[in-house]
Amino acid sequence: MKMRRTNAVALDHSDERQNAHAFLGRLPDDQLSAVRGLLGAMLSPLDRELALAPIDDEPVTPDDAAAIQAGIASLDRNGGVGLEEVLADFGLTTDDFHKMAEDPAPEDAA
C-alpha cells in the first residue's frame, strides 16, 4: 500500500492527536517501547530524523537577521530560482525529480 503525504495544515486531527497522547500516557514502559518502534517504522527516514532532531533554540544574531533581510530583499528584487533551474544544476529534470519522489532511495544501512 503506497501512502501519500498530505498537507497537515489542510487537515485538523487535533482530537485524534489528543486521544493518541492520552493512550500513550497510560501504556506501561514495555508497550510504550513497542509503540514507539511501530510509529518510527511508519515514518519516512527524513521524518524520523526530524522528529528526533533537537530544537534549534539559538537566538538570532544581528548578523543572522541581516542575512535573512538581505535574502528577502534579493527575492523581492529578483524573484526566486525556479525548480527547473535548481534541478538542472544537478543534471536533473522535473521528470527525474518526480520519479525520485515515487521511488525513494532505500535507507542507508547504518
PDB file of N, CA and C in Angstrom:
ATOM      1  N   MET A   1       0.841  -1.174   0.000  1.00  0.00           N
ATOM      2  CA  MET A   1       0.000   0.000   0.000  1.00  0.00           C
ATOM      3  C   MET A   1       0.886   1.238   0.000  1.00  0.00           C
ATOM      4  N   LYS A   2       0.709   2.109  -0.964  1.00  0.00           N
ATOM      5  CA  LYS A   2       1.515   3.312  -1.081  1.00  0.00           C
ATOM      6  C   LYS A   2       0.787   4.460  -0.394  1.00  0.00           C
ATOM      7  N   MET A   3       1.495   5.128   0.533  1.00  0.00           N
ATOM      8  CA  MET A   3       0.890   6.242   1.252  1.00  0.00           C
ATOM      9  C   MET A   3       1.424   7.552   0.692  1.00  0.00           C
ATOM     10  N   ARG A   4       0.562   8.510   0.539  1.00  0.00           N
ATOM     11  CA  ARG A   4       0.968   9.824   0.066  1.00  0.00           C
ATOM     12  C   ARG A   4       0.868  10.798   1.229  1.00  0.00           C
ATOM     13  N   ARG A   5       1.817  11.708   1.281  1.00  0.00           N
ATOM     14  CA  ARG A   5       1.827  12.727   2.311  1.00  0.00           C
ATOM     15  C   ARG A   5       0.765  13.769   1.963  1.00  0.00           C
ATOM     16  N   THR A   6       0.006  14.204   2.976  1.00  0.00           N
ATOM     17  CA  THR A   6      -0.989  15.243   2.755  1.00  0.00           C
ATOM     18  C   THR A   6      -0.557  16.504   3.479  1.00  0.00           C
ATOM     19  N   ASN A   7      -1.131  17.597   3.108  1.00  0.00           N
ATOM     20  CA  ASN A   7      -0.828  18.872   3.728  1.00  0.00           C
ATOM     21  C   ASN A   7      -1.447  18.885   5.116  1.00  0.00           C
ATOM     22  N   ALA A   8      -0.593  18.901   6.147  1.00  0.00           N
ATOM     23  CA  ALA A   8      -1.073  18.842   7.524  1.00  0.00           C
ATOM     24  C   ALA A   8      -1.927  20.055   7.871  1.00  0.00           C
ATOM     25  N   VAL A   9      -1.676  21.185   7.212  1.00  0.00           N
ATOM     26  CA  VAL A   9      -2.451  22.377   7.503  1.00  0.00           C
ATOM     27  C   VAL A   9      -3.896  22.196   7.040  1.00  0.00           C
ATOM     28  N   ALA A  10      -4.097  21.441   5.982  1.00  0.00           N
ATOM     29  CA  ALA A  10      -5.434  21.274   5.426  1.00  0.00           C
ATOM     30  C   ALA A  10      -6.297  20.360   6.280  1.00  0.00           C
ATOM     31  N   LEU A  11      -5.687  19.556   7.124  1.00  0.00           N
ATOM     32  CA  LEU A  11      -6.433  18.606   7.932  1.00  0.00           C
ATOM     33  C   LEU A  11      -6.303  18.954   9.407  1.00  0.00           C
ATOM     34  N   ASP A  12      -7.418  18.873  10.135  1.00  0.00           N
ATOM     35  CA  ASP A  12      -7.366  19.138  11.562  1.00  0.00           C
ATOM     36  C   ASP A  12      -7.602  17.828  12.291  1.00  0.00           C
ATOM     37  N   HIS A  13      -6.518  17.258  12.800  1.00  0.00           N
ATOM     38  CA  HIS A  13      -6.606  15.989  13.512  1.00  0.00           C
ATOM     39  C   HIS A  13      -6.289  16.176  14.989  1.00  0.00           C
ATOM     40  N   SER A  14      -6.597  17.351  15.539  1.00  0.00           N
ATOM     41  CA  SER A  14      -6.203  17.629  16.915  1.00  0.00           C
ATOM     42  C   SER A  14      -6.856  16.658  17.897  1.00  0.00           C
ATOM     43  N   ASP A  15      -8.112  16.281  17.676  1.00  0.00           N
ATOM     44  CA  ASP A  15      -8.763  15.324  18.577  1.00  0.00           C
ATOM     45  C   ASP A  15      -8.072  13.966  18.532  1.00  0.00           C
ATOM     46  N   GLU A  16      -7.719  13.506  17.332  1.00  0.00           N
ATOM     47  CA  GLU A  16      -7.027  12.225  17.204  1.00  0.00           C
ATOM     48  C   GLU A  16      -5.677  12.268  17.910  1.00  0.00           C
ATOM     49  N   ARG A  17      -4.962  13.375  17.751  1.00  0.00           N
ATOM     50  CA  ARG A  17      -3.654  13.517  18.400  1.00  0.00           C
ATOM     51  C   ARG A  17      -3.810  13.525  19.918  1.00  0.00           C
ATOM     52  N   GLN A  18      -4.799  14.251  20.429  1.00  0.00           N
ATOM     53  CA  GLN A  18      -5.027  14.290  21.876  1.00  0.00           C
ATOM     54  C   GLN A  18      -5.355  12.902  22.408  1.00  0.00           C
ATOM     55  N   ASN A  19      -6.193  12.171  21.677  1.00  0.00           N
ATOM     56  CA  ASN A  19      -6.541  10.812  22.106  1.00  0.00           C
ATOM     57  C   ASN A  19      -5.313   9.911  22.087  1.00  0.00           C
ATOM     58  N   ALA A  20      -4.502  10.017  21.027  1.00  0.00           N
ATOM     59  CA  ALA A  20      -3.296   9.202  20.935  1.00  0.00           C
ATOM     60  C   ALA A  20      -2.344   9.520  22.088  1.00  0.00           C
ATOM     61  N   HIS A  21      -2.183  10.793  22.408  1.00  0.00           N
ATOM     62  CA  HIS A  21      -1.323  11.172  23.529  1.00  0.00           C
ATOM     63  C   HIS A  21      -1.864  10.619  24.852  1.00  0.00           C
ATOM     64  N   ALA A  22      -3.183  10.666  25.019  1.00  0.00           N
ATOM     65  CA  ALA A  22      -3.782  10.132  26.244  1.00  0.00           C
ATOM     66  C   ALA A  22      -3.535   8.628  26.346  1.00  0.00           C
ATOM     67  N   PHE A  23      -3.683   7.911  25.244  1.00  0.00           N
ATOM     68  CA  PHE A  23      -3.427   6.464  25.248  1.00  0.00           C
ATOM     69  C   PHE A  23      -1.965   6.178  25.566  1.00  0.00           C
ATOM     70  N   LEU A  24      -1.059   6.930  24.939  1.00  0.00           N
ATOM     71  CA  LEU A  24       0.373   6.721  25.172  1.00  0.00           C
ATOM     72  C   LEU A  24       0.734   6.933  26.637  1.00  0.00           C
ATOM     73  N   GLY A  25       0.107   7.911  27.246  1.00  0.00           N
ATOM     74  CA  GLY A  25       0.383   8.215  28.642  1.00  0.00           C
ATOM     75  C   GLY A  25      -0.025   7.112  29.601  1.00  0.00           C
ATOM     76  N   ARG A  26      -0.888   6.213  29.155  1.00  0.00           N
ATOM     77  CA  ARG A  26      -1.376   5.147  30.039  1.00  0.00           C
ATOM     78  C   ARG A  26      -0.689   3.805  29.789  1.00  0.00           C
ATOM     79  N   LEU A  27       0.191   3.747  28.802  1.00  0.00           N
ATOM     80  CA  LEU A  27       0.867   2.485  28.486  1.00  0.00           C
ATOM     81  C   LEU A  27       2.016   2.205  29.453  1.00  0.00           C
ATOM     82  N   PRO A  28       2.193   0.926  29.813  1.00  0.00           N
ATOM     83  CA  PRO A  28       3.390   0.568  30.583  1.00  0.00           C
ATOM     84  C   PRO A  28       4.620   0.689  29.678  1.00  0.00           C
ATOM     85  N   ASP A  29       5.812   0.776  30.305  1.00  0.00           N
ATOM     86  CA  ASP A  29       7.049   1.045  29.567  1.00  0.00           C
ATOM     87  C   ASP A  29       7.305   0.074  28.419  1.00  0.00           C
ATOM     88  N   ASP A  30       7.085  -1.222  28.625  1.00  0.00           N
ATOM     89  CA  ASP A  30       7.388  -2.186  27.565  1.00  0.00           C
ATOM     90  C   ASP A  30       6.476  -1.996  26.353  1.00  0.00           C
ATOM     91  N   GLN A  31       5.212  -1.681  26.595  1.00  0.00           N
ATOM     92  CA  GLN A  31       4.301  -1.440  25.480  1.00  0.00           C
ATOM     93  C   GLN A  31       4.596  -0.099  24.809  1.00  0.00           C
ATOM     94  N   LEU A  32       4.999   0.881  25.602  1.00  0.00           N
ATOM     95  CA  LEU A  32       5.351   2.181  25.041  1.00  0.00           C
ATOM     96  C   LEU A  32       6.527   2.038  24.087  1.00  0.00           C
ATOM     97  N   SER A  33       7.501   1.232  24.462  1.00  0.00           N
ATOM     98  CA  SER A  33       8.657   0.999  23.602  1.00  0.00           C
ATOM     99  C   SER A  33       8.234   0.343  22.284  1.00  0.00           C
ATOM    100  N   ALA A  34       7.318  -0.601  22.357  1.00  0.00           N
ATOM    101  CA  ALA A  34       6.839  -1.277  21.147  1.00  0.00           C
ATOM    102  C   ALA A  34       6.091  -0.306  20.236  1.00  0.00           C
ATOM    103  N   VAL A  35       5.261   0.557  20.819  1.00  0.00           N
ATOM    104  CA  VAL A  35       4.505   1.537  20.027  1.00  0.00           C
ATOM    105  C   VAL A  35       5.454   2.548  19.396  1.00  0.00           C
ATOM    106  N   ARG A  36       6.483   2.973  20.144  1.00  0.00           N
ATOM    107  CA  ARG A  36       7.471   3.900  19.593  1.00  0.00           C
ATOM    108  C   ARG A  36       8.151   3.290  18.374  1.00  0.00           C
ATOM    109  N   GLY A  37       8.495   2.017  18.467  1.00  0.00           N
ATOM    110  CA  GLY A  37       9.102   1.342  17.324  1.00  0.00           C
ATOM    111  C   GLY A  37       8.159   1.274  16.132  1.00  0.00           C
ATOM    112  N   LEU A  38       6.900   0.998  16.394  1.00  0.00           N
ATOM    113  CA  LEU A  38       5.905   0.939  15.321  1.00  0.00           C
ATOM    114  C   LEU A  38       5.733   2.305  14.668  1.00  0.00           C
ATOM    115  N   LEU A  39       5.608   3.341  15.480  1.00  0.00           N
ATOM    116  CA  LEU A  39       5.454   4.688  14.921  1.00  0.00           C
ATOM    117  C   LEU A  39       6.681   5.082  14.102  1.00  0.00           C
ATOM    118  N   GLY A  40       7.859   4.757  14.598  1.00  0.00           N
ATOM    119  CA  GLY A  40       9.077   5.054  13.855  1.00  0.00           C
ATOM    120  C   GLY A  40       9.110   4.351  12.514  1.00  0.00           C
ATOM    121  N   ALA A  41       8.636   3.103  12.490  1.00  0.00           N
ATOM    122  CA  ALA A  41       8.622   2.339  11.241  1.00  0.00           C
ATOM    123  C   ALA A  41       7.628   2.919  10.234  1.00  0.00           C
ATOM    124  N   MET A  42       6.604   3.600  10.713  1.00  0.00           N
ATOM    125  CA  MET A  42       5.596   4.177   9.831  1.00  0.00           C
ATOM    126  C   MET A  42       6.059   5.480   9.178  1.00  0.00           C
ATOM    127  N   LEU A  43       7.108   6.096   9.728  1.00  0.00           N
ATOM    128  CA  LEU A  43       7.595   7.367   9.195  1.00  0.00           C
ATOM    129  C   LEU A  43       8.688   7.147   8.162  1.00  0.00           C
ATOM    130  N   SER A  44       8.843   8.121   7.291  1.00  0.00           N
ATOM    131  CA  SER A  44       9.953   8.081   6.341  1.00  0.00           C
ATOM    132  C   SER A  44      11.252   8.324   7.112  1.00  0.00           C
ATOM    133  N   PRO A  45      12.383   7.954   6.533  1.00  0.00           N
ATOM    134  CA  PRO A  45      13.658   8.223   7.219  1.00  0.00           C
ATOM    135  C   PRO A  45      13.829   9.702   7.570  1.00  0.00           C
ATOM    136  N   LEU A  46      13.432  10.587   6.679  1.00  0.00           N
ATOM    137  CA  LEU A  46      13.560  12.012   6.944  1.00  0.00           C
ATOM    138  C   LEU A  46      12.669  12.425   8.109  1.00  0.00           C
ATOM    139  N   ASP A  47      11.418  11.963   8.113  1.00  0.00           N
ATOM    140  CA  ASP A  47      10.503  12.324   9.193  1.00  0.00           C
ATOM    141  C   ASP A  47      10.994  11.794  10.540  1.00  0.00           C
ATOM    142  N   ARG A  48      11.611  10.598  10.545  1.00  0.00           N
ATOM    143  CA  ARG A  48      12.179  10.071  11.800  1.00  0.00           C
ATOM    144  C   ARG A  48      13.289  10.983  12.300  1.00  0.00           C
ATOM    145  N   GLU A  49      14.167  11.418  11.386  1.00  0.00           N
ATOM    146  CA  GLU A  49      15.263  12.302  11.783  1.00  0.00           C
ATOM    147  C   GLU A  49      14.727  13.636  12.295  1.00  0.00           C
ATOM    148  N   LEU A  50      13.753  14.184  11.602  1.00  0.00           N
ATOM    149  CA  LEU A  50      13.190  15.467  12.021  1.00  0.00           C
ATOM    150  C   LEU A  50      12.485  15.365  13.368  1.00  0.00           C
ATOM    151  N   ALA A  51      11.788  14.259  13.589  1.00  0.00           N
ATOM    152  CA  ALA A  51      11.064  14.080  14.847  1.00  0.00           C
ATOM    153  C   ALA A  51      12.012  14.028  16.040  1.00  0.00           C
ATOM    154  N   LEU A  52      13.208  13.498  15.835  1.00  0.00           N
ATOM    155  CA  LEU A  52      14.154  13.330  16.936  1.00  0.00           C
ATOM    156  C   LEU A  52      15.229  14.408  16.985  1.00  0.00           C
ATOM    157  N   ALA A  53      15.197  15.333  16.036  1.00  0.00           N
ATOM    158  CA  ALA A  53      16.216  16.389  15.993  1.00  0.00           C
ATOM    159  C   ALA A  53      16.006  17.362  17.145  1.00  0.00           C
ATOM    160  N   PRO A  54      17.098  17.839  17.714  1.00  0.00           N
ATOM    161  CA  PRO A  54      16.946  18.830  18.790  1.00  0.00           C
ATOM    162  C   PRO A  54      16.373  20.126  18.229  1.00  0.00           C
ATOM    163  N   ILE A  55      15.654  20.826  19.064  1.00  0.00           N
ATOM    164  CA  ILE A  55      15.075  22.109  18.664  1.00  0.00           C
ATOM    165  C   ILE A  55      16.189  23.147  18.604  1.00  0.00           C
ATOM    166  N   ASP A  56      16.192  23.931  17.548  1.00  0.00           N
ATOM    167  CA  ASP A  56      17.185  24.998  17.407  1.00  0.00           C
ATOM    168  C   ASP A  56      16.718  26.165  18.263  1.00  0.00           C
ATOM    169  N   ASP A  57      17.319  26.288  19.431  1.00  0.00           N
ATOM    170  CA  ASP A  57      16.904  27.350  20.340  1.00  0.00           C
ATOM    171  C   ASP A  57      17.948  28.462  20.457  1.00  0.00           C
ATOM    172  N   GLU A  58      18.867  28.493  19.480  1.00  0.00           N
ATOM    173  CA  GLU A  58      19.857  29.564  19.496  1.00  0.00           C
ATOM    174  C   GLU A  58      19.191  30.872  19.072  1.00  0.00           C
ATOM    175  N   PRO A  59      19.530  31.954  19.750  1.00  0.00           N
ATOM    176  CA  PRO A  59      18.931  33.240  19.360  1.00  0.00           C
ATOM    177  C   PRO A  59      19.442  33.679  17.993  1.00  0.00           C
ATOM    178  N   VAL A  60      18.631  34.446  17.313  1.00  0.00           N
ATOM    179  CA  VAL A  60      19.030  35.013  16.023  1.00  0.00           C
ATOM    180  C   VAL A  60      19.967  36.178  16.311  1.00  0.00           C
ATOM    181  N   THR A  61      21.162  36.099  15.774  1.00  0.00           N
ATOM    182  CA  THR A  61      22.147  37.162  15.992  1.00  0.00           C
ATOM    183  C   THR A  61      21.868  38.324  15.042  1.00  0.00           C
ATOM    184  N   PRO A  62      22.445  39.478  15.308  1.00  0.00           N
ATOM    185  CA  PRO A  62      22.286  40.592  14.359  1.00  0.00           C
ATOM    186  C   PRO A  62      22.781  40.234  12.957  1.00  0.00           C
ATOM    187  N   ASP A  63      23.877  39.454  12.870  1.00  0.00           N
ATOM    188  CA  ASP A  63      24.362  39.022  11.556  1.00  0.00           C
ATOM    189  C   ASP A  63      23.351  38.108  10.866  1.00  0.00           C
ATOM    190  N   ASP A  64      22.740  37.190  11.646  1.00  0.00           N
ATOM    191  CA  ASP A  64      21.709  36.304  11.093  1.00  0.00           C
ATOM    192  C   ASP A  64      20.540  37.136  10.560  1.00  0.00           C
ATOM    193  N   ALA A  65      20.075  38.084  11.364  1.00  0.00           N
ATOM    194  CA  ALA A  65      18.935  38.916  10.963  1.00  0.00           C
ATOM    195  C   ALA A  65      19.255  39.701   9.700  1.00  0.00           C
ATOM    196  N   ALA A  66      20.486  40.226   9.619  1.00  0.00           N
ATOM    197  CA  ALA A  66      20.883  40.974   8.421  1.00  0.00           C
ATOM    198  C   ALA A  66      20.912  40.066   7.196  1.00  0.00           C
ATOM    199  N   ALA A  67      21.416  38.841   7.362  1.00  0.00           N
ATOM    200  CA  ALA A  67      21.461  37.896   6.240  1.00  0.00           C
ATOM    201  C   ALA A  67      20.057  37.518   5.792  1.00  0.00           C
ATOM    202  N   ILE A  68      19.165  37.319   6.741  1.00  0.00           N
ATOM    203  CA  ILE A  68      17.769  36.985   6.408  1.00  0.00           C
ATOM    204  C   ILE A  68      17.133  38.134   5.635  1.00  0.00           C
ATOM    205  N   GLN A  69      17.316  39.357   6.122  1.00  0.00           N
ATOM    206  CA  GLN A  69      16.749  40.526   5.437  1.00  0.00           C
ATOM    207  C   GLN A  69      17.343  40.704   4.045  1.00  0.00           C
ATOM    208  N   ALA A  70      18.648  40.438   3.905  1.00  0.00           N
ATOM    209  CA  ALA A  70      19.286  40.545   2.587  1.00  0.00           C
ATOM    210  C   ALA A  70      18.682  39.517   1.626  1.00  0.00           C
ATOM    211  N   GLY A  71      18.424  38.315   2.121  1.00  0.00           N
ATOM    212  CA  GLY A  71      17.819  37.282   1.281  1.00  0.00           C
ATOM    213  C   GLY A  71      16.414  37.657   0.858  1.00  0.00           C
ATOM    214  N   ILE A  72      15.631  38.182   1.785  1.00  0.00           N
ATOM    215  CA  ILE A  72      14.260  38.603   1.460  1.00  0.00           C
ATOM    216  C   ILE A  72      14.287  39.744   0.446  1.00  0.00           C
ATOM    217  N   ALA A  73      15.187  40.711   0.650  1.00  0.00           N
ATOM    218  CA  ALA A  73      15.297  41.831  -0.291  1.00  0.00           C
ATOM    219  C   ALA A  73      15.692  41.337  -1.678  1.00  0.00           C
ATOM    220  N   SER A  74      16.601  40.355  -1.734  1.00  0.00           N
ATOM    221  CA  SER A  74      17.014  39.797  -3.021  1.00  0.00           C
ATOM    222  C   SER A  74      15.840  39.127  -3.724  1.00  0.00           C
ATOM    223  N   LEU A  75      15.043  38.385  -2.966  1.00  0.00           N
ATOM    224  CA  LEU A  75      13.858  37.748  -3.562  1.00  0.00           C
ATOM    225  C   LEU A  75      12.880  38.799  -4.074  1.00  0.00           C
ATOM    226  N   ASP A  76      12.695  39.867  -3.296  1.00  0.00           N
ATOM    227  CA  ASP A  76      11.790  40.940  -3.722  1.00  0.00           C
ATOM    228  C   ASP A  76      12.275  41.593  -5.012  1.00  0.00           C
ATOM    229  N   ARG A  77      13.594  41.776  -5.146  1.00  0.00           N
ATOM    230  CA  ARG A  77      14.144  42.427  -6.340  1.00  0.00           C
ATOM    231  C   ARG A  77      14.182  41.495  -7.541  1.00  0.00           C
ATOM    232  N   ASN A  78      14.628  40.267  -7.322  1.00  0.00           N
ATOM    233  CA  ASN A  78      14.954  39.376  -8.439  1.00  0.00           C
ATOM    234  C   ASN A  78      14.042  38.164  -8.575  1.00  0.00           C
ATOM    235  N   GLY A  79      13.191  37.933  -7.624  1.00  0.00           N
ATOM    236  CA  GLY A  79      12.380  36.717  -7.641  1.00  0.00           C
ATOM    237  C   GLY A  79      13.234  35.526  -7.230  1.00  0.00           C
ATOM    238  N   GLY A  80      12.603  34.387  -7.098  1.00  0.00           N
ATOM    239  CA  GLY A  80      13.311  33.177  -6.700  1.00  0.00           C
ATOM    240  C   GLY A  80      13.883  32.442  -7.895  1.00  0.00           C
ATOM    241  N   VAL A  81      14.543  31.358  -7.597  1.00  0.00           N
ATOM    242  CA  VAL A  81      15.101  30.493  -8.640  1.00  0.00           C
ATOM    243  C   VAL A  81      14.094  29.375  -8.871  1.00  0.00           C
ATOM    244  N   GLY A  82      13.749  29.144 -10.106  1.00  0.00           N
ATOM    245  CA  GLY A  82      12.776  28.117 -10.446  1.00  0.00           C
ATOM    246  C   GLY A  82      13.303  26.712 -10.181  1.00  0.00           C
ATOM    247  N   LEU A  83      12.404  25.795  -9.897  1.00  0.00           N
ATOM    248  CA  LEU A  83      12.770  24.412  -9.625  1.00  0.00           C
ATOM    249  C   LEU A  83      13.558  23.816 -10.783  1.00  0.00           C
ATOM    250  N   GLU A  84      13.135  24.100 -11.999  1.00  0.00           N
ATOM    251  CA  GLU A  84      13.819  23.541 -13.164  1.00  0.00           C
ATOM    252  C   GLU A  84      15.288  23.954 -13.194  1.00  0.00           C
ATOM    253  N   GLU A  85      15.569  25.208 -12.838  1.00  0.00           N
ATOM    254  CA  GLU A  85      16.949  25.694 -12.842  1.00  0.00           C
ATOM    255  C   GLU A  85      17.777  25.016 -11.743  1.00  0.00           C
ATOM    256  N   VAL A  86      17.191  24.856 -10.580  1.00  0.00           N
ATOM    257  CA  VAL A  86      17.896  24.181  -9.483  1.00  0.00           C
ATOM    258  C   VAL A  86      18.192  22.735  -9.868  1.00  0.00           C
ATOM    259  N   LEU A  87      17.196  22.043 -10.427  1.00  0.00           N
ATOM    260  CA  LEU A  87      17.401  20.657 -10.839  1.00  0.00           C
ATOM    261  C   LEU A  87      18.465  20.560 -11.927  1.00  0.00           C
ATOM    262  N   ALA A  88      18.442  21.502 -12.864  1.00  0.00           N
ATOM    263  CA  ALA A  88      19.427  21.486 -13.952  1.00  0.00           C
ATOM    264  C   ALA A  88      20.847  21.608 -13.412  1.00  0.00           C
ATOM    265  N   ASP A  89      21.024  22.348 -12.323  1.00  0.00           N
ATOM    266  CA  ASP A  89      22.349  22.461 -11.703  1.00  0.00           C
ATOM    267  C   ASP A  89      22.873  21.095 -11.257  1.00  0.00           C
ATOM    268  N   PHE A  90      21.961  20.161 -10.999  1.00  0.00           N
ATOM    269  CA  PHE A  90      22.342  18.810 -10.583  1.00  0.00           C
ATOM    270  C   PHE A  90      22.211  17.804 -11.722  1.00  0.00           C
ATOM    271  N   GLY A  91      21.963  18.314 -12.930  1.00  0.00           N
ATOM    272  CA  GLY A  91      21.823  17.433 -14.088  1.00  0.00           C
ATOM    273  C   GLY A  91      20.525  16.655 -14.090  1.00  0.00           C
ATOM    274  N   LEU A  92      19.486  17.192 -13.458  1.00  0.00           N
ATOM    275  CA  LEU A  92      18.189  16.505 -13.357  1.00  0.00           C
ATOM    276  C   LEU A  92      17.106  17.297 -14.068  1.00  0.00           C
ATOM    277  N   THR A  93      16.032  16.598 -14.405  1.00  0.00           N
ATOM    278  CA  THR A  93      14.841  17.225 -14.971  1.00  0.00           C
ATOM    279  C   THR A  93      13.699  17.077 -13.976  1.00  0.00           C
ATOM    280  N   THR A  94      12.583  17.746 -14.252  1.00  0.00           N
ATOM    281  CA  THR A  94      11.426  17.592 -13.359  1.00  0.00           C
ATOM    282  C   THR A  94      10.902  16.153 -13.410  1.00  0.00           C
ATOM    283  N   ASP A  95      11.023  15.484 -14.571  1.00  0.00           N
ATOM    284  CA  ASP A  95      10.631  14.072 -14.645  1.00  0.00           C
ATOM    285  C   ASP A  95      11.480  13.228 -13.701  1.00  0.00           C
ATOM    286  N   ASP A  96      12.802  13.490 -13.677  1.00  0.00           N
ATOM    287  CA  ASP A  96      13.687  12.780 -12.747  1.00  0.00           C
ATOM    288  C   ASP A  96      13.238  13.020 -11.308  1.00  0.00           C
ATOM    289  N   PHE A  97      12.915  14.270 -11.008  1.00  0.00           N
ATOM    290  CA  PHE A  97      12.503  14.655  -9.657  1.00  0.00           C
ATOM    291  C   PHE A  97      11.242  13.899  -9.239  1.00  0.00           C
ATOM    292  N   HIS A  98      10.268  13.822 -10.135  1.00  0.00           N
ATOM    293  CA  HIS A  98       9.020  13.125  -9.815  1.00  0.00           C
ATOM    294  C   HIS A  98       9.247  11.619  -9.664  1.00  0.00           C
ATOM    295  N   LYS A  99      10.119  11.047 -10.489  1.00  0.00           N
ATOM    296  CA  LYS A  99      10.439   9.620 -10.359  1.00  0.00           C
ATOM    297  C   LYS A  99      11.112   9.340  -9.021  1.00  0.00           C
ATOM    298  N   MET A 100      12.003  10.247  -8.606  1.00  0.00           N
ATOM    299  CA  MET A 100      12.681  10.081  -7.319  1.00  0.00           C
ATOM    300  C   MET A 100      11.675  10.145  -6.168  1.00  0.00           C
ATOM    301  N   ALA A 101      10.657  10.986  -6.296  1.00  0.00           N
ATOM    302  CA  ALA A 101       9.640  11.101  -5.246  1.00  0.00           C
ATOM    303  C   ALA A 101       8.793   9.833  -5.158  1.00  0.00           C
ATOM    304  N   GLU A 102       8.548   9.209  -6.298  1.00  0.00           N
ATOM    305  CA  GLU A 102       7.740   7.987  -6.320  1.00  0.00           C
ATOM    306  C   GLU A 102       8.514   6.781  -5.826  1.00  0.00           C
ATOM    307  N   ASP A 103       9.805   6.735  -6.113  1.00  0.00           N
ATOM    308  CA  ASP A 103      10.654   5.601  -5.744  1.00  0.00           C
ATOM    309  C   ASP A 103      11.845   6.108  -4.937  1.00  0.00           C
ATOM    310  N   PRO A 104      11.622   6.435  -3.648  1.00  0.00           N
ATOM    311  CA  PRO A 104      12.728   6.971  -2.859  1.00  0.00           C
ATOM    312  C   PRO A 104      13.871   5.964  -2.729  1.00  0.00           C
ATOM    313  N   ALA A 105      15.064   6.497  -2.539  1.00  0.00           N
ATOM    314  CA  ALA A 105      16.242   5.650  -2.367  1.00  0.00           C
ATOM    315  C   ALA A 105      16.085   4.814  -1.098  1.00  0.00           C
ATOM    316  N   PRO A 106      16.598   3.594  -1.095  1.00  0.00           N
ATOM    317  CA  PRO A 106      16.493   2.787   0.123  1.00  0.00           C
ATOM    318  C   PRO A 106      17.314   3.423   1.240  1.00  0.00           C
ATOM    319  N   GLU A 107      16.910   3.112   2.479  1.00  0.00           N
ATOM    320  CA  GLU A 107      17.614   3.646   3.637  1.00  0.00           C
ATOM    321  C   GLU A 107      19.037   3.112   3.660  1.00  0.00           C
ATOM    322  N   ASP A 108      19.939   3.953   4.105  1.00  0.00           N
ATOM    323  CA  ASP A 108      21.312   3.501   4.298  1.00  0.00           C
ATOM    324  C   ASP A 108      21.331   2.545   5.483  1.00  0.00           C
ATOM    325  N   ALA A 109      22.032   1.467   5.347  1.00  0.00           N
ATOM    326  CA  ALA A 109      22.170   0.540   6.466  1.00  0.00           C
ATOM    327  C   ALA A 109      23.213   1.101   7.405  1.00  0.00           C
ATOM    328  N   ALA A 110      22.753   1.597   8.538  1.00  0.00           N
ATOM    329  CA  ALA A 110      23.691   2.217   9.493  1.00  0.00           C
ATOM    330  C   ALA A 110      23.715   1.466  10.787  1.00  0.00           C
TER     331      ALA A 110
END
